[in-house]
Protein backbone atom coordinates (compact mmCIF):
# COMPACT_ATOMS: atom_id res chain seq x y z
CA MET A 1 83.87 268.18 21.03
CA ARG A 2 81.92 268.20 23.95
CA ASP A 3 78.05 266.23 23.88
CA ALA A 4 77.90 265.91 20.03
CA LEU A 5 74.79 264.22 18.49
CA LEU A 6 75.42 262.08 15.14
CA ALA A 7 73.27 260.57 12.87
CA ASP A 8 73.59 256.75 13.45
CA ARG A 9 73.62 257.12 16.97
CA ASN A 10 71.11 257.51 19.94
CA GLY A 11 72.49 260.36 22.28
CA PRO A 12 75.39 262.69 22.55
CA VAL A 13 79.13 261.49 22.41
CA ASP A 14 81.70 263.15 22.80
CA LEU A 15 84.73 263.39 20.36
CA LEU A 16 88.30 263.16 21.05
CA VAL A 17 91.07 263.98 18.69
CA GLY A 18 95.02 263.24 18.44
CA ASP A 19 97.37 263.92 15.83
CA GLY A 20 94.75 264.84 13.91
CA ARG A 21 92.56 261.16 14.39
CA PHE A 22 89.85 260.17 15.62
CA THR A 23 91.30 258.59 19.32
CA ARG A 24 87.61 258.71 21.10
CA VAL A 25 84.72 258.73 19.96
CA GLY A 26 81.98 258.62 22.74
CA PRO A 27 81.47 259.77 26.69
CA LEU A 28 84.76 261.36 27.98
CA ASP A 29 83.98 262.08 31.65
CA ALA A 30 84.55 264.99 33.60
CA ARG A 31 88.57 264.20 34.96
CA GLU A 32 88.79 264.15 30.98
CA VAL A 33 87.93 266.62 29.84
CA ALA A 34 89.95 268.45 32.29
CA THR A 35 93.29 267.09 31.44
CA ALA A 36 92.68 267.97 27.66
CA ARG A 37 91.56 271.71 29.61
CA ALA A 38 94.85 271.84 30.87
CA GLN A 39 97.56 270.38 28.57
CA GLY A 40 96.27 272.95 26.25
CA ALA A 41 93.45 270.95 23.77
CA ARG A 42 90.76 273.39 22.51
CA VAL A 43 87.11 271.67 23.66
CA VAL A 44 84.50 272.60 21.55
CA GLU A 45 81.08 272.70 22.65
CA ALA A 46 78.52 270.90 20.37
CA ALA A 47 74.85 271.17 22.75
CA GLY A 48 73.38 268.94 21.59
CA ARG A 49 73.57 269.60 17.52
CA LEU A 50 74.64 267.20 14.96
CA VAL A 51 78.16 266.16 14.01
CA VAL A 52 78.66 264.65 9.91
CA PRO A 53 81.71 263.62 8.03
CA PRO A 54 82.54 265.93 5.62
CA PHE A 55 79.93 266.34 2.89
CA VAL A 56 80.90 264.48 -0.75
CA ASP A 57 80.21 266.56 -3.88
CA ALA A 58 80.45 263.07 -6.59
CA HIS A 59 79.88 264.88 -9.75
CA MET A 60 81.00 268.71 -10.73
CA HIS A 61 82.23 270.42 -13.72
CA LEU A 62 84.55 272.55 -12.20
CA ASP A 63 86.21 274.04 -15.53
CA SER A 64 82.68 275.40 -16.51
CA ALA A 65 81.60 276.86 -13.37
CA LEU A 66 81.73 281.23 -13.49
CA THR A 67 81.43 280.76 -17.21
CA LEU A 68 77.79 281.92 -17.51
CA ASP A 69 77.38 285.15 -20.63
CA PRO A 70 74.17 287.32 -19.93
CA ALA A 71 75.32 287.52 -23.59
CA ASP A 72 75.03 284.39 -24.45
CA PRO A 73 72.87 282.85 -22.72
CA ASN A 74 71.15 278.89 -23.00
CA ARG A 75 68.06 280.74 -24.04
CA SER A 76 66.15 277.29 -24.36
CA GLY A 77 67.69 275.57 -21.02
CA THR A 78 68.19 272.31 -23.18
CA LEU A 79 70.77 269.77 -22.76
CA GLY A 80 71.58 270.28 -25.96
CA GLU A 81 71.63 274.00 -26.12
CA GLY A 82 73.93 273.39 -22.92
CA ILE A 83 76.42 271.98 -25.09
CA ALA A 84 76.16 274.39 -28.31
CA VAL A 85 77.50 277.31 -25.45
CA TRP A 86 79.66 275.55 -23.86
CA SER A 87 81.74 274.86 -27.23
CA ARG A 88 81.36 278.66 -27.81
CA ARG A 89 82.57 280.01 -24.04
CA ARG A 90 84.64 277.28 -23.92
CA ALA A 91 86.67 278.96 -26.72
CA ARG A 92 87.05 282.13 -25.63
CA LEU A 93 88.69 280.72 -22.05
CA THR A 94 91.96 280.99 -20.77
CA GLY A 95 93.16 278.93 -18.38
CA LYS A 96 94.39 281.49 -15.94
CA GLN A 97 90.02 282.58 -15.94
CA ILE A 98 89.37 278.97 -15.32
CA LEU A 99 91.18 278.43 -12.43
CA ALA A 100 90.26 281.68 -10.89
CA ASN A 101 86.60 280.43 -11.41
CA ALA A 102 86.87 276.97 -9.79
CA ARG A 103 88.77 277.90 -7.08
CA GLU A 104 86.37 280.38 -6.07
CA VAL A 105 83.86 277.89 -5.77
CA LEU A 106 85.73 275.79 -4.69
CA ARG A 107 86.53 277.93 -1.71
CA TRP A 108 82.16 277.71 -1.22
CA MET A 109 82.24 274.54 -1.11
CA VAL A 110 84.50 274.41 1.13
CA ALA A 111 83.17 277.29 4.10
CA ALA A 112 80.05 274.98 3.23
CA GLY A 113 82.07 271.46 4.92
CA THR A 114 82.27 270.03 1.85
CA LEU A 115 86.01 268.53 1.69
CA HIS A 116 85.77 265.50 -0.95
CA VAL A 117 84.35 266.27 -4.69
CA ARG A 118 84.20 263.78 -8.57
CA CYS A 119 85.59 266.91 -11.25
CA HIS A 120 84.83 265.88 -14.80
CA VAL A 121 87.49 267.70 -17.04
CA ASP A 122 86.49 268.41 -20.11
CA VAL A 123 89.17 266.95 -22.34
CA SER A 124 88.11 267.37 -25.74
CA PRO A 125 90.38 268.54 -28.70
CA GLY A 126 88.60 272.01 -28.77
CA ALA A 127 88.66 272.57 -24.99
CA PRO A 128 90.86 274.71 -23.64
CA ASP A 129 93.71 273.65 -21.31
CA ALA A 130 91.61 273.24 -18.23
CA LEU A 131 93.19 270.06 -17.20
CA SER A 132 95.91 271.82 -16.43
CA ALA A 133 93.80 274.33 -14.02
CA LEU A 134 92.19 272.05 -12.52
CA LEU A 135 95.48 269.24 -12.14
CA GLU A 136 97.29 273.12 -9.85
CA LEU A 137 94.13 273.32 -8.02
CA ARG A 138 93.75 269.63 -6.82
CA ASP A 139 97.70 270.11 -6.23
CA GLU A 140 96.42 273.43 -4.08
CA ALA A 141 93.37 272.62 -2.95
CA ARG A 142 95.21 268.81 -1.29
CA GLY A 143 95.71 268.90 3.01
CA VAL A 144 92.20 270.24 2.82
CA CYS A 145 89.82 269.60 -0.10
CA ASP A 146 90.58 266.20 -1.90
CA VAL A 147 89.62 266.70 -5.71
CA GLN A 148 89.48 263.27 -8.08
CA LEU A 149 89.66 264.43 -11.08
CA VAL A 150 87.92 262.60 -14.01
CA ALA A 151 88.85 262.55 -18.10
CA PHE A 152 85.90 263.66 -19.57
CA PRO A 153 85.61 263.61 -23.06
CA GLN A 154 82.57 266.40 -23.43
CA ASP A 155 82.22 266.26 -27.67
CA GLY A 156 82.43 262.20 -27.52
CA LEU A 157 84.91 259.77 -28.89
CA TYR A 158 83.78 259.27 -32.46
CA ARG A 159 81.91 262.76 -33.80
CA GLU A 160 86.38 264.39 -34.85
CA PRO A 161 89.34 262.46 -35.05
CA GLY A 162 91.66 262.50 -32.10
CA GLN A 163 89.06 262.09 -29.52
CA ARG A 164 90.33 258.86 -27.96
CA GLU A 165 93.99 259.90 -28.77
CA ALA A 166 93.29 262.95 -25.72
CA LEU A 167 91.22 260.68 -23.53
CA ARG A 168 94.59 258.29 -23.13
CA ALA A 169 96.81 261.18 -23.16
CA ALA A 170 94.36 263.49 -19.89
CA MET A 171 94.79 259.47 -18.42
CA ALA A 172 98.43 259.74 -18.53
CA ARG A 173 98.85 264.02 -17.46
CA GLY A 174 97.26 262.39 -14.01
CA CYS A 175 93.03 261.92 -14.43
CA ASP A 176 92.11 259.62 -11.47
CA ALA A 177 89.11 258.05 -13.79
CA VAL A 178 88.11 258.01 -16.63
CA GLY A 179 84.70 259.37 -18.52
CA GLY A 180 81.77 258.62 -20.70
CA ILE A 181 79.26 259.83 -22.40
CA PRO A 182 78.36 257.15 -24.64
CA HIS A 183 74.71 258.22 -25.45
CA HIS A 184 76.23 260.90 -27.49
CA GLU A 185 77.80 259.52 -29.80
CA PRO A 186 75.92 258.97 -33.24
CA THR A 187 74.80 256.12 -33.58
CA PRO A 188 73.41 253.39 -31.37
CA ALA A 189 77.02 251.07 -32.89
CA GLN A 190 79.41 254.33 -31.85
CA GLY A 191 77.92 254.10 -28.75
CA GLU A 192 78.70 250.41 -28.02
CA ALA A 193 81.71 250.93 -29.01
CA HIS A 194 82.54 253.85 -26.59
CA VAL A 195 81.33 252.06 -23.84
CA ARG A 196 84.45 249.29 -24.48
CA ASP A 197 87.14 252.06 -25.23
CA VAL A 198 86.43 253.83 -22.00
CA PHE A 199 87.32 250.78 -19.65
CA ASP A 200 89.57 249.71 -22.04
CA ILE A 201 91.57 252.83 -20.95
CA ALA A 202 89.96 252.35 -17.78
CA GLN A 203 92.07 248.57 -17.17
CA GLU A 204 95.30 250.54 -19.28
CA PHE A 205 95.68 252.41 -16.26
CA ASP A 206 94.08 250.98 -14.41
CA ALA A 207 91.58 253.36 -13.52
CA ASP A 208 87.45 253.57 -12.37
CA VAL A 209 85.41 254.61 -14.46
CA ASP A 210 82.87 256.95 -14.20
CA ALA A 211 80.89 258.48 -17.05
CA HIS A 212 77.14 260.49 -18.11
CA CYS A 213 75.68 257.79 -18.91
CA ASP A 214 71.90 257.68 -20.52
CA GLU A 215 71.62 261.67 -19.60
CA THR A 216 68.42 262.09 -21.85
CA ASP A 217 64.50 261.42 -21.92
CA ASP A 218 65.08 258.85 -24.69
CA PRO A 219 63.13 255.76 -22.93
CA GLY A 220 65.85 253.81 -25.73
CA SER A 221 68.69 254.63 -24.52
CA ARG A 222 70.19 251.83 -22.00
CA PHE A 223 73.47 252.68 -22.56
CA ALA A 224 73.88 251.65 -17.86
CA VAL A 225 73.20 248.02 -18.95
CA SER A 226 75.97 248.35 -21.48
CA MET A 227 78.40 249.77 -18.60
CA ALA A 228 77.04 246.75 -15.76
CA ARG A 229 78.34 244.14 -18.75
CA GLU A 230 81.38 246.21 -18.80
CA ALA A 231 81.84 246.23 -15.40
CA ALA A 232 81.14 242.37 -14.42
CA GLU A 233 82.98 241.42 -17.06
CA ARG A 234 86.01 242.78 -16.56
CA GLY A 235 86.07 243.04 -13.20
CA TRP A 236 85.37 246.45 -12.53
CA GLN A 237 82.85 245.76 -10.09
CA GLY A 238 82.83 248.68 -7.29
CA ARG A 239 85.15 250.58 -9.44
CA VAL A 240 82.08 251.98 -12.02
CA VAL A 241 79.88 254.51 -11.73
CA LEU A 242 77.13 256.31 -13.80
CA GLY A 243 76.70 260.02 -13.31
CA HIS A 244 72.67 261.57 -14.28
CA CYS A 245 71.11 258.32 -16.12
CA THR A 246 67.78 260.45 -16.44
CA ALA A 247 66.36 258.26 -19.30
CA MET A 248 66.03 255.63 -16.71
CA ALA A 249 62.66 258.49 -15.12
CA ALA A 250 61.49 257.44 -18.53
CA TYR A 251 61.31 253.60 -17.83
CA ASP A 252 58.59 251.56 -16.92
CA ALA A 253 58.28 249.34 -13.98
CA ALA A 254 59.38 246.07 -15.29
CA LEU A 255 61.98 247.87 -16.92
CA LEU A 256 63.60 250.38 -14.32
CA GLY A 257 63.74 246.23 -11.64
CA GLU A 258 65.49 244.89 -14.72
CA VAL A 259 68.45 247.69 -15.00
CA ALA A 260 68.67 248.56 -11.61
CA ALA A 261 69.38 244.69 -10.45
CA ARG A 262 72.05 244.64 -13.38
CA LEU A 263 73.48 247.39 -11.53
CA ALA A 264 73.28 246.52 -8.39
CA ASP A 265 74.37 243.07 -8.79
CA SER A 266 77.09 244.41 -10.87
CA GLY A 267 78.79 247.21 -7.82
CA VAL A 268 78.23 250.01 -10.60
CA GLY A 269 77.15 252.63 -9.11
CA VAL A 270 74.52 255.93 -9.32
CA VAL A 271 74.70 259.49 -9.06
CA ALA A 272 71.51 261.62 -9.24
CA ASN A 273 72.48 265.75 -9.93
CA PRO A 274 68.71 266.71 -9.36
CA MET A 275 69.34 270.55 -9.94
CA VAL A 276 71.05 270.74 -13.49
CA ASN A 277 68.41 267.20 -14.00
CA ALA A 278 64.95 269.37 -12.91
CA VAL A 279 65.99 272.16 -15.10
CA LEU A 280 67.63 270.02 -18.29
CA GLN A 281 64.92 266.64 -18.87
CA GLY A 282 62.27 266.93 -19.95
CA ARG A 283 61.73 270.14 -21.83
CA ASN A 284 60.21 268.47 -24.95
CA ASP A 285 57.67 267.20 -23.49
CA ALA A 286 53.85 267.87 -23.70
CA ALA A 287 52.10 267.44 -20.35
CA PRO A 288 52.44 265.48 -17.84
CA VAL A 289 56.10 266.33 -17.26
CA ARG A 290 57.98 264.35 -16.25
CA ARG A 291 61.03 264.91 -13.63
CA GLY A 292 64.04 263.54 -15.53
CA MET A 293 66.12 262.32 -12.40
CA ALA A 294 67.38 258.80 -11.48
CA PRO A 295 64.81 256.82 -9.90
CA ILE A 296 66.62 257.26 -6.54
CA ALA A 297 64.01 255.15 -4.57
CA ALA A 298 63.73 252.49 -6.89
CA LEU A 299 67.45 251.77 -7.41
CA ARG A 300 68.24 251.23 -3.50
CA GLU A 301 65.36 249.84 -2.93
CA ALA A 302 67.43 247.78 -5.66
CA GLY A 303 71.00 247.46 -3.54
CA VAL A 304 72.22 249.97 -5.70
CA THR A 305 74.55 252.59 -4.21
CA VAL A 306 73.36 256.16 -5.42
CA ALA A 307 74.24 259.42 -4.23
CA LEU A 308 74.02 263.18 -5.58
CA GLY A 309 76.28 265.93 -7.38
CA GLN A 310 76.02 269.91 -7.35
CA ASP A 311 77.53 269.33 -11.29
CA SER A 312 77.17 273.18 -12.35
CA VAL A 313 76.94 275.72 -10.91
CA LEU A 314 76.64 279.42 -13.17
CA ASP A 315 76.56 278.07 -16.41
CA ALA A 316 75.65 277.01 -19.65
CA TRP A 317 73.46 274.21 -17.98
CA LEU A 318 72.57 275.89 -14.69
CA PRO A 319 71.75 279.24 -14.01
CA LEU A 320 71.89 278.63 -10.29
CA GLY A 321 73.85 276.96 -7.62
CA VAL A 322 75.99 277.62 -4.62
CA GLY A 323 78.11 274.15 -4.81
CA ASP A 324 76.08 273.53 -1.37
CA MET A 325 75.47 269.74 -0.58
CA LEU A 326 72.51 269.80 2.05
CA ALA A 327 71.06 272.07 -0.84
CA VAL A 328 71.70 269.48 -3.17
CA ALA A 329 69.96 267.17 -0.82
CA GLN A 330 67.04 269.28 0.39
CA PHE A 331 66.24 270.22 -3.08
CA GLY A 332 66.58 266.15 -4.62
CA ALA A 333 64.39 265.42 -1.63
CA LEU A 334 61.63 267.91 -3.41
CA PHE A 335 62.28 267.14 -6.86
CA GLY A 336 61.77 263.30 -5.96
CA HIS A 337 59.42 262.76 -3.85
CA LEU A 338 61.44 262.11 -0.83
CA THR A 339 59.61 263.52 1.98
CA GLY A 340 58.32 260.44 3.72
CA HIS A 341 60.46 260.65 7.22
CA GLN A 342 62.29 257.25 6.65
CA GLN A 343 63.18 258.65 3.31
CA LEU A 344 64.91 262.49 3.95
CA ALA A 345 66.29 261.20 7.12
CA GLY A 346 68.50 259.58 4.42
CA MET A 347 69.06 261.98 2.23
CA LEU A 348 71.54 263.09 4.56
CA ASP A 349 73.34 259.76 3.21
CA LEU A 350 73.47 260.67 -0.30
CA VAL A 351 75.67 263.65 0.50
CA THR A 352 77.81 262.31 3.05
CA GLY A 353 78.70 258.32 3.22
CA SER A 354 77.06 256.78 -0.22
CA GLY A 355 79.32 259.51 -2.11
CA ALA A 356 82.32 258.21 -0.36
CA ARG A 357 81.80 254.76 -0.69
CA LEU A 358 81.36 255.51 -4.53
CA LEU A 359 84.85 257.72 -4.33
CA ARG A 360 85.98 254.79 -2.51
CA LEU A 361 87.61 256.95 0.28
CA ASP A 362 87.41 253.48 3.29
CA ASP A 363 89.13 254.20 6.26
CA ARG A 364 89.66 257.86 4.29
CA TYR A 365 86.32 258.93 5.47
CA GLY A 366 83.34 259.08 8.41
CA ILE A 367 83.36 259.75 12.72
CA ALA A 368 85.68 256.71 14.32
CA GLU A 369 87.98 255.99 15.72
CA GLY A 370 91.64 255.60 14.02
CA ARG A 371 90.06 258.00 10.96
CA PRO A 372 91.16 261.49 10.13
CA ALA A 373 89.55 263.91 12.50
CA ASP A 374 86.99 265.85 9.30
CA PHE A 375 83.98 266.59 10.20
CA VAL A 376 81.35 269.19 10.31
CA LEU A 377 79.42 270.82 13.65
CA LEU A 378 76.01 271.75 12.27
CA ASP A 379 73.30 274.25 12.91
CA ALA A 380 70.61 271.90 13.61
CA ARG A 381 69.82 268.94 16.06
CA ASP A 382 68.93 266.25 13.09
CA PRO A 383 69.35 265.41 9.60
CA ILE A 384 65.89 266.27 8.40
CA GLU A 385 66.02 269.48 10.63
CA ALA A 386 69.34 270.07 8.92
CA LEU A 387 67.78 269.32 5.61
CA ARG A 388 65.36 271.94 6.22
CA LEU A 389 66.96 274.96 7.34
CA LEU A 390 70.91 274.88 5.46
CA PRO A 391 72.15 275.65 8.79
CA ALA A 392 74.88 276.92 9.40
CA ARG A 393 78.02 274.92 8.96
CA LEU A 394 79.23 276.28 12.80
CA HIS A 395 82.73 274.65 11.84
CA VAL A 396 84.55 272.34 9.89
CA PHE A 397 87.16 270.83 10.50
CA ARG A 398 90.09 268.62 8.30
CA HIS A 399 92.77 266.56 10.24
CA GLY A 400 91.72 268.24 13.30
CA HIS A 401 91.90 271.27 12.01
CA GLU A 402 89.66 274.00 12.15
CA ILE A 403 89.10 275.56 8.15
CA ALA A 404 86.32 276.76 8.27
CA ARG A 405 83.34 278.05 10.58
CA SER A 406 79.97 280.53 9.85
CA SER A 407 77.86 281.90 12.27
CA PRO A 408 73.55 281.38 12.80
CA ALA A 409 71.91 283.62 10.53
CA ARG A 410 69.85 285.94 12.92
CA ALA A 411 67.99 288.28 12.71
CA ARG A 412 65.89 290.85 15.07
CA LEU A 413 62.32 292.12 14.59
CA THR A 414 61.94 295.87 15.09
CA GLY A 415 58.76 296.83 14.26
CA PRO A 416 55.35 296.54 16.56
CA PHE A 417 55.26 292.62 15.91
CA ALA A 418 56.99 290.48 18.34
CA PRO A 419 60.04 292.28 18.39
CA GLY A 420 63.24 290.08 19.61
CA GLU A 421 65.09 288.24 17.87
CA VAL A 422 64.64 285.45 15.45
CA VAL A 423 67.43 281.89 14.83
CA PHE A 424 65.84 281.61 11.40
CA GLY A 425 63.73 277.67 11.07
CA ARG A 426 64.64 276.85 14.37
CA ASP A 427 61.62 275.52 17.06
CA ARG A 428 61.18 275.68 20.26
């Protein structure tokens, strides 16, 4: 690829690929380009556009995707009713339907440049066998999109018998990480027991932990501290991710600082899900209504790795969504008051590098010599313009092979005002 711009470098670079890996990230002279052409290499002209590593969705529920039912919607828009609606909806779903829905949304995501997804799968005893469907999808997508599966006990571990056994069974069937939802238990003591159970199972299977945590408006919900304690005591630093953490939006400054420091010290990451957090949280607040999203800026300033997730697409919790992580980053910047110049410039990292760190992709990710040639060419010149335009993903490459392409968004004005072609949002 010629004349590409990278977010972490000044000036254009060339990307040379061989055997599915980057062999050169830097300038190529005219003779080297001519030699590559003569050897039959494909040369893509980036022409000063931005190239990014593939997007990472660090928190997604593909098993519930596309299950929005107009006959049985979430009328209140609350998290609690969403759980109740999903319980009814999942009872009517088949594994075949779940697989078809999940496959379709994953196709959207790949076309938008997302090639790494961590997917939470409802493995509660009352759920349909979504795990079989998503294990099949994980294998089907292998080599194109990496799908990590989290065994998620949606109904908790203490509300009904058999929940803990179901979580263990899901890990034995091949899930990649142990999920949790301690704040959903009937009592705080059971929530603490839930935390210990999750780590017990993680140790048994030598697996990472990725739990829904403190997904509530209650400032008294502090299971993030319990998760950090267990991570430190059990040597699980760098292997624990907490999703949502919306209670932190209600913490006072002193408490938030204390909790953020505990997370940073124990190597626990956080995934915010701005679209669904925006619609589910603060529903019962009288004015002023809180922005119920994990405080991204404060957490990052404390040294916590923070990434973003789409979470939902057309289901009981979010009646919108297309699986586009650039759109998630744009919304997160707006909703989270992260529109200072440096903050905007850093938002791209929340859906690329930071997500890769939480998923522990290590040297399987990134635009660097010797790493897999996975990258996306955007019709934009820099990270802020990419957030503003949500531009076409002109080319999506996996292991050096193109797997998706898009055309720029264009229109033609035919009326009396300034007729001619319009390239949406592009300044001169």
